[in-house]
């Protein structure tokens, strides 16, 4: 029996050109396509490593790979708006900029371009948000590119605008056992059936948190400023629970935070897909192997236990 909600997997590129070299990114793409996946997530400001010389580096690595292999059947999501990779709130989401960037990415990626998302929007002006949504709608009408949102600070302001426009959007949000933005998007979630919105989770392993240390100096978690000591008490709860989960049924065991994140996101009824970042082909293989476990075995008891551990009210449908 298949217990997993049908979901899409997207290959994340946030570390490309930073902790993931060009050669390593090419290896990841080789492995991703070999595993049968075609969806890739990117953004103008990746990698966000505060090195202005590497602004747009991730998309350039992806573009080089596509051209070298003559690919025309990918599904690329591009996130736009951020004006640098310095982790500042500086954005441009004016209608003219949205239309310009949509056309630019259509020229660069051609048939491979699937969606264009507004990225890191901190605005609370309904007038400005309406103008941006109308530009996305125009882009969709002109090109059939799917509109989207990612990392939006005030989704409540988007809810009425989207409902009024009637368009369906792809929405990316952070979701893991330590932090979930799903409650902030409730107003949009409420209209998903009428509008056809789709929700995708990123950061499912909390930025590279490990069940067991140590962290190598070049780990994604440390590079992003993570502090392992801040999660000690919550990790202890998980480490006590894992042996019990692995005795409950005859199924492949849960061993890593990545496994836990895949369960917590993969079995969530409100999510349509996951954005997955990898540092090596081995990590990618381990993830896709466990994803197949979710499609084959029942891990719903762990999903429910994770909700209880972290105070979520979500129930598996």
Foldseek 3Di string as FASTA:
>chain_A
DFQWDAAAEAAEQQCEVHLADLVQVLQQVVLCVVLPHAHYEEEQAGPLQQDQVCRNVSVVSVLVSCVVVVDQPHEYEYEAFDPYSPPDLHGDLALVVQLVVLVVVCVSRPNNYAAYEHENAADDDLVRLLRSVVSRVVSCVVPVHAYEYENYPQLVSVLVSCVVVLAEHEYEWADELQDGCVVSNVSNLVCCVRRVYAYEHECLLVQQQKLDDDDPPSGRCVSVPHDNVVCVVLSVVVVVCQVVLQPPDPADGDDISLLRSCLLQRQAPRHRYYHDYDRHSVVVVVNVVSVVSSRPDDPQVSNVVSCVSRVHPGHGD
